[in-house]
Full PDB file with SEQRES, HELIX, SHEET, SSBOND, CRYST1, ORIGX, SCALE, CONECT and MASTER records, all heavy atoms in Angstrom:
SEQRES   1 A   31  ASP GLY ALA ASN PHE PHE ASN LYS HIS ILE ALA LYS TYR          
SEQRES   2 A   31  ASP PHE LYS LYS VAL ASP ALA VAL GLU SER VAL SER HIS          
SEQRES   3 A   31  ALA GLN VAL PRO MET                                          
HELIX    1 AA1 GLY A    2  ILE A   10  1                                   9    
HELIX    2 AA2 ALA A   20  VAL A   24  1                                   5    
CRYST1    1.000    1.000    1.000  90.00  90.00  90.00 P 1           1          
ORIGX1      1.000000  0.000000  0.000000        0.00000                         
ORIGX2      0.000000  1.000000  0.000000        0.00000                         
ORIGX3      0.000000  0.000000  1.000000        0.00000                         
SCALE1      1.000000  0.000000  0.000000        0.00000                         
SCALE2      0.000000  1.000000  0.000000        0.00000                         
SCALE3      0.000000  0.000000  1.000000        0.00000                         
ATOM      1  N   ASP A   1     -25.946   9.080  -2.554  1.00  0.00           N  
ATOM      2  CA  ASP A   1     -25.708  10.098  -3.602  1.00  0.00           C  
ATOM      3  C   ASP A   1     -24.452  10.971  -3.237  1.00  0.00           C  
ATOM      4  O   ASP A   1     -23.620  11.346  -4.156  1.00  0.00           O  
ATOM      5  CB  ASP A   1     -26.909  11.094  -3.731  1.00  0.00           C  
ATOM      6  CG  ASP A   1     -28.126  10.310  -4.197  1.00  0.00           C  
ATOM      7  OD1 ASP A   1     -28.082   9.921  -5.424  1.00  0.00           O  
ATOM      8  OD2 ASP A   1     -29.085  10.136  -3.503  1.00  0.00           O  
ATOM      9  N   GLY A   2     -24.360  11.306  -1.995  1.00  0.00           N  
ATOM     10  CA  GLY A   2     -23.157  12.035  -1.521  1.00  0.00           C  
ATOM     11  C   GLY A   2     -21.887  11.294  -1.718  1.00  0.00           C  
ATOM     12  O   GLY A   2     -20.857  11.813  -2.136  1.00  0.00           O  
ATOM     13  N   ALA A   3     -21.913  10.011  -1.350  1.00  0.00           N  
ATOM     14  CA  ALA A   3     -20.733   9.162  -1.518  1.00  0.00           C  
ATOM     15  C   ALA A   3     -20.304   9.037  -2.927  1.00  0.00           C  
ATOM     16  O   ALA A   3     -19.132   9.064  -3.322  1.00  0.00           O  
ATOM     17  CB  ALA A   3     -20.928   7.809  -0.917  1.00  0.00           C  
ATOM     18  N   ASN A   4     -21.308   8.893  -3.874  1.00  0.00           N  
ATOM     19  CA  ASN A   4     -21.046   8.813  -5.224  1.00  0.00           C  
ATOM     20  C   ASN A   4     -20.496  10.045  -5.793  1.00  0.00           C  
ATOM     21  O   ASN A   4     -19.618  10.066  -6.604  1.00  0.00           O  
ATOM     22  CB  ASN A   4     -22.331   8.451  -5.936  1.00  0.00           C  
ATOM     23  CG  ASN A   4     -22.060   7.943  -7.428  1.00  0.00           C  
ATOM     24  OD1 ASN A   4     -21.014   7.329  -7.651  1.00  0.00           O  
ATOM     25  ND2 ASN A   4     -22.999   8.287  -8.325  1.00  0.00           N  
ATOM     26  N   PHE A   5     -20.971  11.180  -5.264  1.00  0.00           N  
ATOM     27  CA  PHE A   5     -20.473  12.566  -5.685  1.00  0.00           C  
ATOM     28  C   PHE A   5     -18.910  12.658  -5.466  1.00  0.00           C  
ATOM     29  O   PHE A   5     -18.104  13.043  -6.314  1.00  0.00           O  
ATOM     30  CB  PHE A   5     -21.240  13.702  -4.979  1.00  0.00           C  
ATOM     31  CG  PHE A   5     -20.679  15.074  -5.282  1.00  0.00           C  
ATOM     32  CD1 PHE A   5     -20.965  15.735  -6.399  1.00  0.00           C  
ATOM     33  CD2 PHE A   5     -19.825  15.624  -4.277  1.00  0.00           C  
ATOM     34  CE1 PHE A   5     -20.444  16.994  -6.561  1.00  0.00           C  
ATOM     35  CE2 PHE A   5     -19.272  16.894  -4.503  1.00  0.00           C  
ATOM     36  CZ  PHE A   5     -19.575  17.577  -5.677  1.00  0.00           C  
ATOM     37  N   PHE A   6     -18.582  12.319  -4.135  1.00  0.00           N  
ATOM     38  CA  PHE A   6     -17.170  12.472  -3.825  1.00  0.00           C  
ATOM     39  C   PHE A   6     -16.297  11.409  -4.572  1.00  0.00           C  
ATOM     40  O   PHE A   6     -15.185  11.605  -4.947  1.00  0.00           O  
ATOM     41  CB  PHE A   6     -16.972  12.354  -2.295  1.00  0.00           C  
ATOM     42  CG  PHE A   6     -17.358  13.481  -1.528  1.00  0.00           C  
ATOM     43  CD1 PHE A   6     -18.535  13.512  -0.840  1.00  0.00           C  
ATOM     44  CD2 PHE A   6     -16.639  14.655  -1.567  1.00  0.00           C  
ATOM     45  CE1 PHE A   6     -18.937  14.610  -0.122  1.00  0.00           C  
ATOM     46  CE2 PHE A   6     -17.013  15.781  -0.952  1.00  0.00           C  
ATOM     47  CZ  PHE A   6     -18.161  15.875  -0.150  1.00  0.00           C  
ATOM     48  N   ASN A   7     -16.958  10.162  -4.733  1.00  0.00           N  
ATOM     49  CA  ASN A   7     -16.219   9.103  -5.536  1.00  0.00           C  
ATOM     50  C   ASN A   7     -15.893   9.536  -6.909  1.00  0.00           C  
ATOM     51  O   ASN A   7     -14.771   9.268  -7.395  1.00  0.00           O  
ATOM     52  CB  ASN A   7     -17.012   7.790  -5.462  1.00  0.00           C  
ATOM     53  CG  ASN A   7     -16.301   6.631  -6.114  1.00  0.00           C  
ATOM     54  OD1 ASN A   7     -15.342   6.140  -5.438  1.00  0.00           O  
ATOM     55  ND2 ASN A   7     -16.697   6.229  -7.287  1.00  0.00           N  
ATOM     56  N   LYS A   8     -16.797  10.183  -7.544  1.00  0.00           N  
ATOM     57  CA  LYS A   8     -16.588  10.676  -8.957  1.00  0.00           C  
ATOM     58  C   LYS A   8     -15.459  11.654  -9.007  1.00  0.00           C  
ATOM     59  O   LYS A   8     -14.693  11.660  -9.971  1.00  0.00           O  
ATOM     60  CB  LYS A   8     -17.890  11.193  -9.515  1.00  0.00           C  
ATOM     61  CG  LYS A   8     -18.947  10.143  -9.886  1.00  0.00           C  
ATOM     62  CD  LYS A   8     -20.087  10.746 -10.659  1.00  0.00           C  
ATOM     63  CE  LYS A   8     -20.957  11.569  -9.760  1.00  0.00           C  
ATOM     64  NZ  LYS A   8     -22.202  11.970 -10.505  1.00  0.00           N  
ATOM     65  N   HIS A   9     -15.329  12.506  -7.961  1.00  0.00           N  
ATOM     66  CA  HIS A   9     -14.255  13.447  -7.976  1.00  0.00           C  
ATOM     67  C   HIS A   9     -12.947  12.963  -7.478  1.00  0.00           C  
ATOM     68  O   HIS A   9     -11.915  13.410  -7.950  1.00  0.00           O  
ATOM     69  CB  HIS A   9     -14.696  14.678  -7.091  1.00  0.00           C  
ATOM     70  CG  HIS A   9     -15.694  15.476  -7.804  1.00  0.00           C  
ATOM     71  ND1 HIS A   9     -17.090  15.138  -7.783  1.00  0.00           N  
ATOM     72  CD2 HIS A   9     -15.689  16.674  -8.407  1.00  0.00           C  
ATOM     73  CE1 HIS A   9     -17.793  16.165  -8.417  1.00  0.00           C  
ATOM     74  NE2 HIS A   9     -16.919  17.115  -8.813  1.00  0.00           N  
ATOM     75  N   ILE A  10     -12.957  12.034  -6.630  1.00  0.00           N  
ATOM     76  CA  ILE A  10     -11.687  11.478  -6.090  1.00  0.00           C  
ATOM     77  C   ILE A  10     -11.192  10.281  -6.850  1.00  0.00           C  
ATOM     78  O   ILE A  10     -10.006  10.230  -7.286  1.00  0.00           O  
ATOM     79  CB  ILE A  10     -11.877  11.173  -4.586  1.00  0.00           C  
ATOM     80  CG1 ILE A  10     -12.138  12.342  -3.809  1.00  0.00           C  
ATOM     81  CG2 ILE A  10     -10.546  10.516  -4.021  1.00  0.00           C  
ATOM     82  CD1 ILE A  10     -12.590  12.169  -2.311  1.00  0.00           C  
ATOM     83  N   ALA A  11     -12.073   9.291  -6.969  1.00  0.00           N  
ATOM     84  CA  ALA A  11     -11.629   8.008  -7.746  1.00  0.00           C  
ATOM     85  C   ALA A  11     -11.878   8.055  -9.181  1.00  0.00           C  
ATOM     86  O   ALA A  11     -11.461   7.171  -9.959  1.00  0.00           O  
ATOM     87  CB  ALA A  11     -12.377   6.864  -7.115  1.00  0.00           C  
ATOM     88  N   LYS A  12     -12.651   9.126  -9.671  1.00  0.00           N  
ATOM     89  CA  LYS A  12     -12.874   9.322 -11.056  1.00  0.00           C  
ATOM     90  C   LYS A  12     -13.782   8.311 -11.693  1.00  0.00           C  
ATOM     91  O   LYS A  12     -13.599   7.973 -12.874  1.00  0.00           O  
ATOM     92  CB  LYS A  12     -11.549   9.464 -11.843  1.00  0.00           C  
ATOM     93  CG  LYS A  12     -10.623  10.453 -11.313  1.00  0.00           C  
ATOM     94  CD  LYS A  12     -11.156  11.874 -11.212  1.00  0.00           C  
ATOM     95  CE  LYS A  12     -10.168  12.900 -10.769  1.00  0.00           C  
ATOM     96  NZ  LYS A  12     -10.647  14.282 -10.681  1.00  0.00           N  
ATOM     97  N   TYR A  13     -14.728   7.707 -11.014  1.00  0.00           N  
ATOM     98  CA  TYR A  13     -15.688   6.808 -11.595  1.00  0.00           C  
ATOM     99  C   TYR A  13     -17.000   6.874 -10.838  1.00  0.00           C  
ATOM    100  O   TYR A  13     -17.062   7.335  -9.687  1.00  0.00           O  
ATOM    101  CB  TYR A  13     -15.221   5.384 -11.697  1.00  0.00           C  
ATOM    102  CG  TYR A  13     -15.296   4.644 -10.406  1.00  0.00           C  
ATOM    103  CD1 TYR A  13     -16.313   3.836 -10.028  1.00  0.00           C  
ATOM    104  CD2 TYR A  13     -14.168   4.631  -9.563  1.00  0.00           C  
ATOM    105  CE1 TYR A  13     -16.373   3.138  -8.871  1.00  0.00           C  
ATOM    106  CE2 TYR A  13     -14.144   3.889  -8.364  1.00  0.00           C  
ATOM    107  CZ  TYR A  13     -15.255   3.172  -7.988  1.00  0.00           C  
ATOM    108  OH  TYR A  13     -15.312   2.436  -6.871  1.00  0.00           O  
ATOM    109  N   ASP A  14     -18.102   6.551 -11.622  1.00  0.00           N  
ATOM    110  CA  ASP A  14     -19.465   6.613 -11.100  1.00  0.00           C  
ATOM    111  C   ASP A  14     -19.863   5.233 -10.688  1.00  0.00           C  
ATOM    112  O   ASP A  14     -19.799   4.335 -11.395  1.00  0.00           O  
ATOM    113  CB  ASP A  14     -20.405   7.197 -12.193  1.00  0.00           C  
ATOM    114  CG  ASP A  14     -21.780   7.538 -11.771  1.00  0.00           C  
ATOM    115  OD1 ASP A  14     -22.292   6.808 -10.798  1.00  0.00           O  
ATOM    116  OD2 ASP A  14     -22.389   8.496 -12.286  1.00  0.00           O  
ATOM    117  N   PHE A  15     -20.474   5.144  -9.444  1.00  0.00           N  
ATOM    118  CA  PHE A  15     -20.958   3.845  -8.956  1.00  0.00           C  
ATOM    119  C   PHE A  15     -21.959   3.192  -9.855  1.00  0.00           C  
ATOM    120  O   PHE A  15     -22.016   2.019 -10.095  1.00  0.00           O  
ATOM    121  CB  PHE A  15     -21.683   4.017  -7.608  1.00  0.00           C  
ATOM    122  CG  PHE A  15     -20.679   4.384  -6.408  1.00  0.00           C  
ATOM    123  CD1 PHE A  15     -21.197   5.066  -5.291  1.00  0.00           C  
ATOM    124  CD2 PHE A  15     -19.405   3.894  -6.477  1.00  0.00           C  
ATOM    125  CE1 PHE A  15     -20.403   5.265  -4.231  1.00  0.00           C  
ATOM    126  CE2 PHE A  15     -18.503   4.232  -5.343  1.00  0.00           C  
ATOM    127  CZ  PHE A  15     -19.031   4.925  -4.307  1.00  0.00           C  
ATOM    128  N   LYS A  16     -22.772   4.069 -10.531  1.00  0.00           N  
ATOM    129  CA  LYS A  16     -23.805   3.579 -11.394  1.00  0.00           C  
ATOM    130  C   LYS A  16     -23.310   3.069 -12.776  1.00  0.00           C  
ATOM    131  O   LYS A  16     -23.924   2.223 -13.392  1.00  0.00           O  
ATOM    132  CB  LYS A  16     -24.903   4.666 -11.607  1.00  0.00           C  
ATOM    133  CG  LYS A  16     -25.721   5.027 -10.367  1.00  0.00           C  
ATOM    134  CD  LYS A  16     -26.733   6.062 -10.756  1.00  0.00           C  
ATOM    135  CE  LYS A  16     -27.586   6.421  -9.516  1.00  0.00           C  
ATOM    136  NZ  LYS A  16     -28.598   7.428  -9.764  1.00  0.00           N  
ATOM    137  N   LYS A  17     -22.225   3.611 -13.185  1.00  0.00           N  
ATOM    138  CA  LYS A  17     -21.675   3.293 -14.521  1.00  0.00           C  
ATOM    139  C   LYS A  17     -20.732   2.155 -14.486  1.00  0.00           C  
ATOM    140  O   LYS A  17     -20.412   1.548 -15.574  1.00  0.00           O  
ATOM    141  CB  LYS A  17     -20.966   4.545 -15.097  1.00  0.00           C  
ATOM    142  CG  LYS A  17     -21.929   5.703 -15.387  1.00  0.00           C  
ATOM    143  CD  LYS A  17     -21.203   6.821 -16.075  1.00  0.00           C  
ATOM    144  CE  LYS A  17     -22.224   7.967 -16.407  1.00  0.00           C  
ATOM    145  NZ  LYS A  17     -21.614   9.116 -17.028  1.00  0.00           N  
ATOM    146  N   VAL A  18     -20.353   1.662 -13.329  1.00  0.00           N  
ATOM    147  CA  VAL A  18     -19.630   0.379 -13.279  1.00  0.00           C  
ATOM    148  C   VAL A  18     -20.616  -0.734 -13.241  1.00  0.00           C  
ATOM    149  O   VAL A  18     -20.989  -1.211 -12.163  1.00  0.00           O  
ATOM    150  CB  VAL A  18     -18.649   0.360 -12.038  1.00  0.00           C  
ATOM    151  CG1 VAL A  18     -17.858  -0.954 -12.008  1.00  0.00           C  
ATOM    152  CG2 VAL A  18     -17.771   1.610 -12.029  1.00  0.00           C  
ATOM    153  N   ASP A  19     -21.074  -1.136 -14.407  1.00  0.00           N  
ATOM    154  CA  ASP A  19     -22.274  -2.007 -14.468  1.00  0.00           C  
ATOM    155  C   ASP A  19     -21.810  -3.435 -15.002  1.00  0.00           C  
ATOM    156  O   ASP A  19     -21.590  -3.564 -16.216  1.00  0.00           O  
ATOM    157  CB  ASP A  19     -23.218  -1.368 -15.432  1.00  0.00           C  
ATOM    158  CG  ASP A  19     -24.547  -2.039 -15.545  1.00  0.00           C  
ATOM    159  OD1 ASP A  19     -24.633  -3.218 -15.029  1.00  0.00           O  
ATOM    160  OD2 ASP A  19     -25.543  -1.554 -16.029  1.00  0.00           O  
ATOM    161  N   ALA A  20     -21.721  -4.428 -14.168  1.00  0.00           N  
ATOM    162  CA  ALA A  20     -21.317  -5.700 -14.585  1.00  0.00           C  
ATOM    163  C   ALA A  20     -22.401  -6.423 -15.469  1.00  0.00           C  
ATOM    164  O   ALA A  20     -22.049  -7.290 -16.298  1.00  0.00           O  
ATOM    165  CB  ALA A  20     -20.997  -6.666 -13.368  1.00  0.00           C  
ATOM    166  N   VAL A  21     -23.634  -6.090 -15.236  1.00  0.00           N  
ATOM    167  CA  VAL A  21     -24.697  -6.616 -16.071  1.00  0.00           C  
ATOM    168  C   VAL A  21     -24.550  -6.193 -17.435  1.00  0.00           C  
ATOM    169  O   VAL A  21     -24.628  -7.024 -18.371  1.00  0.00           O  
ATOM    170  CB  VAL A  21     -26.132  -6.172 -15.506  1.00  0.00           C  
ATOM    171  CG1 VAL A  21     -27.180  -6.684 -16.453  1.00  0.00           C  
ATOM    172  CG2 VAL A  21     -26.348  -6.674 -14.161  1.00  0.00           C  
ATOM    173  N   GLU A  22     -24.252  -4.951 -17.696  1.00  0.00           N  
ATOM    174  CA  GLU A  22     -24.088  -4.517 -19.052  1.00  0.00           C  
ATOM    175  C   GLU A  22     -22.784  -5.082 -19.654  1.00  0.00           C  
ATOM    176  O   GLU A  22     -22.802  -5.505 -20.807  1.00  0.00           O  
ATOM    177  CB  GLU A  22     -23.869  -2.961 -19.054  1.00  0.00           C  
ATOM    178  CG  GLU A  22     -23.464  -2.312 -20.336  1.00  0.00           C  
ATOM    179  CD  GLU A  22     -24.477  -2.432 -21.456  1.00  0.00           C  
ATOM    180  OE1 GLU A  22     -25.691  -2.728 -21.149  1.00  0.00           O  
ATOM    181  OE2 GLU A  22     -24.154  -2.278 -22.619  1.00  0.00           O  
ATOM    182  N   SER A  23     -21.865  -5.216 -18.788  1.00  0.00           N  
ATOM    183  CA  SER A  23     -20.567  -5.849 -19.352  1.00  0.00           C  
ATOM    184  C   SER A  23     -20.713  -7.260 -19.814  1.00  0.00           C  
ATOM    185  O   SER A  23     -20.266  -7.618 -20.898  1.00  0.00           O  
ATOM    186  CB  SER A  23     -19.478  -5.789 -18.227  1.00  0.00           C  
ATOM    187  OG  SER A  23     -18.222  -6.134 -18.762  1.00  0.00           O  
ATOM    188  N   VAL A  24     -21.324  -8.183 -18.961  1.00  0.00           N  
ATOM    189  CA  VAL A  24     -21.495  -9.515 -19.362  1.00  0.00           C  
ATOM    190  C   VAL A  24     -22.472  -9.695 -20.523  1.00  0.00           C  
ATOM    191  O   VAL A  24     -22.468 -10.766 -21.162  1.00  0.00           O  
ATOM    192  CB  VAL A  24     -21.942 -10.466 -18.176  1.00  0.00           C  
ATOM    193  CG1 VAL A  24     -20.843 -10.364 -17.049  1.00  0.00           C  
ATOM    194  CG2 VAL A  24     -23.303 -10.021 -17.673  1.00  0.00           C  
ATOM    195  N   SER A  25     -23.245  -8.667 -20.800  1.00  0.00           N  
ATOM    196  CA  SER A  25     -24.174  -8.749 -21.967  1.00  0.00           C  
ATOM    197  C   SER A  25     -23.311  -8.661 -23.245  1.00  0.00           C  
ATOM    198  O   SER A  25     -23.787  -9.001 -24.313  1.00  0.00           O  
ATOM    199  CB  SER A  25     -25.180  -7.636 -21.994  1.00  0.00           C  
ATOM    200  OG  SER A  25     -24.585  -6.359 -22.225  1.00  0.00           O  
ATOM    201  N   HIS A  26     -22.004  -8.264 -23.124  1.00  0.00           N  
ATOM    202  CA  HIS A  26     -21.125  -8.269 -24.279  1.00  0.00           C  
ATOM    203  C   HIS A  26     -19.988  -9.275 -24.141  1.00  0.00           C  
ATOM    204  O   HIS A  26     -18.910  -9.037 -24.787  1.00  0.00           O  
ATOM    205  CB  HIS A  26     -20.605  -6.846 -24.436  1.00  0.00           C  
ATOM    206  CG  HIS A  26     -21.616  -5.746 -24.641  1.00  0.00           C  
ATOM    207  ND1 HIS A  26     -22.372  -5.667 -25.766  1.00  0.00           N  
ATOM    208  CD2 HIS A  26     -22.060  -4.834 -23.780  1.00  0.00           C  
ATOM    209  CE1 HIS A  26     -23.210  -4.607 -25.630  1.00  0.00           C  
ATOM    210  NE2 HIS A  26     -23.025  -4.076 -24.422  1.00  0.00           N  
ATOM    211  N   ALA A  27     -20.144 -10.228 -23.200  1.00  0.00           N  
ATOM    212  CA  ALA A  27     -19.024 -11.175 -22.991  1.00  0.00           C  
ATOM    213  C   ALA A  27     -18.648 -11.874 -24.221  1.00  0.00           C  
ATOM    214  O   ALA A  27     -19.436 -12.277 -25.127  1.00  0.00           O  
ATOM    215  CB  ALA A  27     -19.521 -12.163 -21.909  1.00  0.00           C  
ATOM    216  N   GLN A  28     -17.317 -12.046 -24.268  1.00  0.00           N  
ATOM    217  CA  GLN A  28     -16.695 -12.695 -25.480  1.00  0.00           C  
ATOM    218  C   GLN A  28     -16.263 -14.159 -25.254  1.00  0.00           C  
ATOM    219  O   GLN A  28     -15.830 -14.779 -26.303  1.00  0.00           O  
ATOM    220  CB  GLN A  28     -15.566 -11.815 -25.986  1.00  0.00           C  
ATOM    221  CG  GLN A  28     -15.888 -10.323 -26.246  1.00  0.00           C  
ATOM    222  CD  GLN A  28     -14.706  -9.491 -26.506  1.00  0.00           C  
ATOM    223  OE1 GLN A  28     -13.938  -9.743 -27.367  1.00  0.00           O  
ATOM    224  NE2 GLN A  28     -14.540  -8.442 -25.736  1.00  0.00           N  
ATOM    225  N   VAL A  29     -16.284 -14.601 -24.052  1.00  0.00           N  
ATOM    226  CA  VAL A  29     -15.799 -15.969 -23.781  1.00  0.00           C  
ATOM    227  C   VAL A  29     -16.905 -16.683 -22.936  1.00  0.00           C  
ATOM    228  O   VAL A  29     -17.646 -15.973 -22.221  1.00  0.00           O  
ATOM    229  CB  VAL A  29     -14.504 -15.966 -23.103  1.00  0.00           C  
ATOM    230  CG1 VAL A  29     -13.367 -15.365 -23.908  1.00  0.00           C  
ATOM    231  CG2 VAL A  29     -14.506 -15.177 -21.789  1.00  0.00           C  
ATOM    232  N   PRO A  30     -16.899 -17.942 -22.887  1.00  0.00           N  
ATOM    233  CA  PRO A  30     -17.844 -18.704 -22.001  1.00  0.00           C  
ATOM    234  C   PRO A  30     -17.604 -18.295 -20.531  1.00  0.00           C  
ATOM    235  O   PRO A  30     -16.525 -17.983 -20.115  1.00  0.00           O  
ATOM    236  CB  PRO A  30     -17.507 -20.200 -22.280  1.00  0.00           C  
ATOM    237  CG  PRO A  30     -16.850 -20.210 -23.578  1.00  0.00           C  
ATOM    238  CD  PRO A  30     -16.153 -18.920 -23.751  1.00  0.00           C  
ATOM    239  N   MET A  31     -18.744 -18.288 -19.713  1.00  0.00           N  
ATOM    240  CA  MET A  31     -18.620 -17.975 -18.390  1.00  0.00           C  
ATOM    241  C   MET A  31     -19.380 -18.935 -17.430  1.00  0.00           C  
ATOM    242  O   MET A  31     -20.398 -19.463 -17.778  1.00  0.00           O  
ATOM    243  CB  MET A  31     -19.332 -16.497 -18.140  1.00  0.00           C  
ATOM    244  CG  MET A  31     -18.650 -15.446 -18.907  1.00  0.00           C  
ATOM    245  SD  MET A  31     -19.265 -13.813 -18.439  1.00  0.00           S  
ATOM    246  CE  MET A  31     -18.647 -13.645 -16.873  1.00  0.00           C  
TER     247      MET A  31                                                      
MASTER        0    0    0    2    0    0    0    6  246    1    0    3          
END                                                                             
């Protein structure tokens, strides 16, 4: 949780929201 807190402020993204499962559920090409 602490690492994610600093990551959101420094790298500007949330570990939980970079979700490859959600992304491939909208895939537009064969995989």
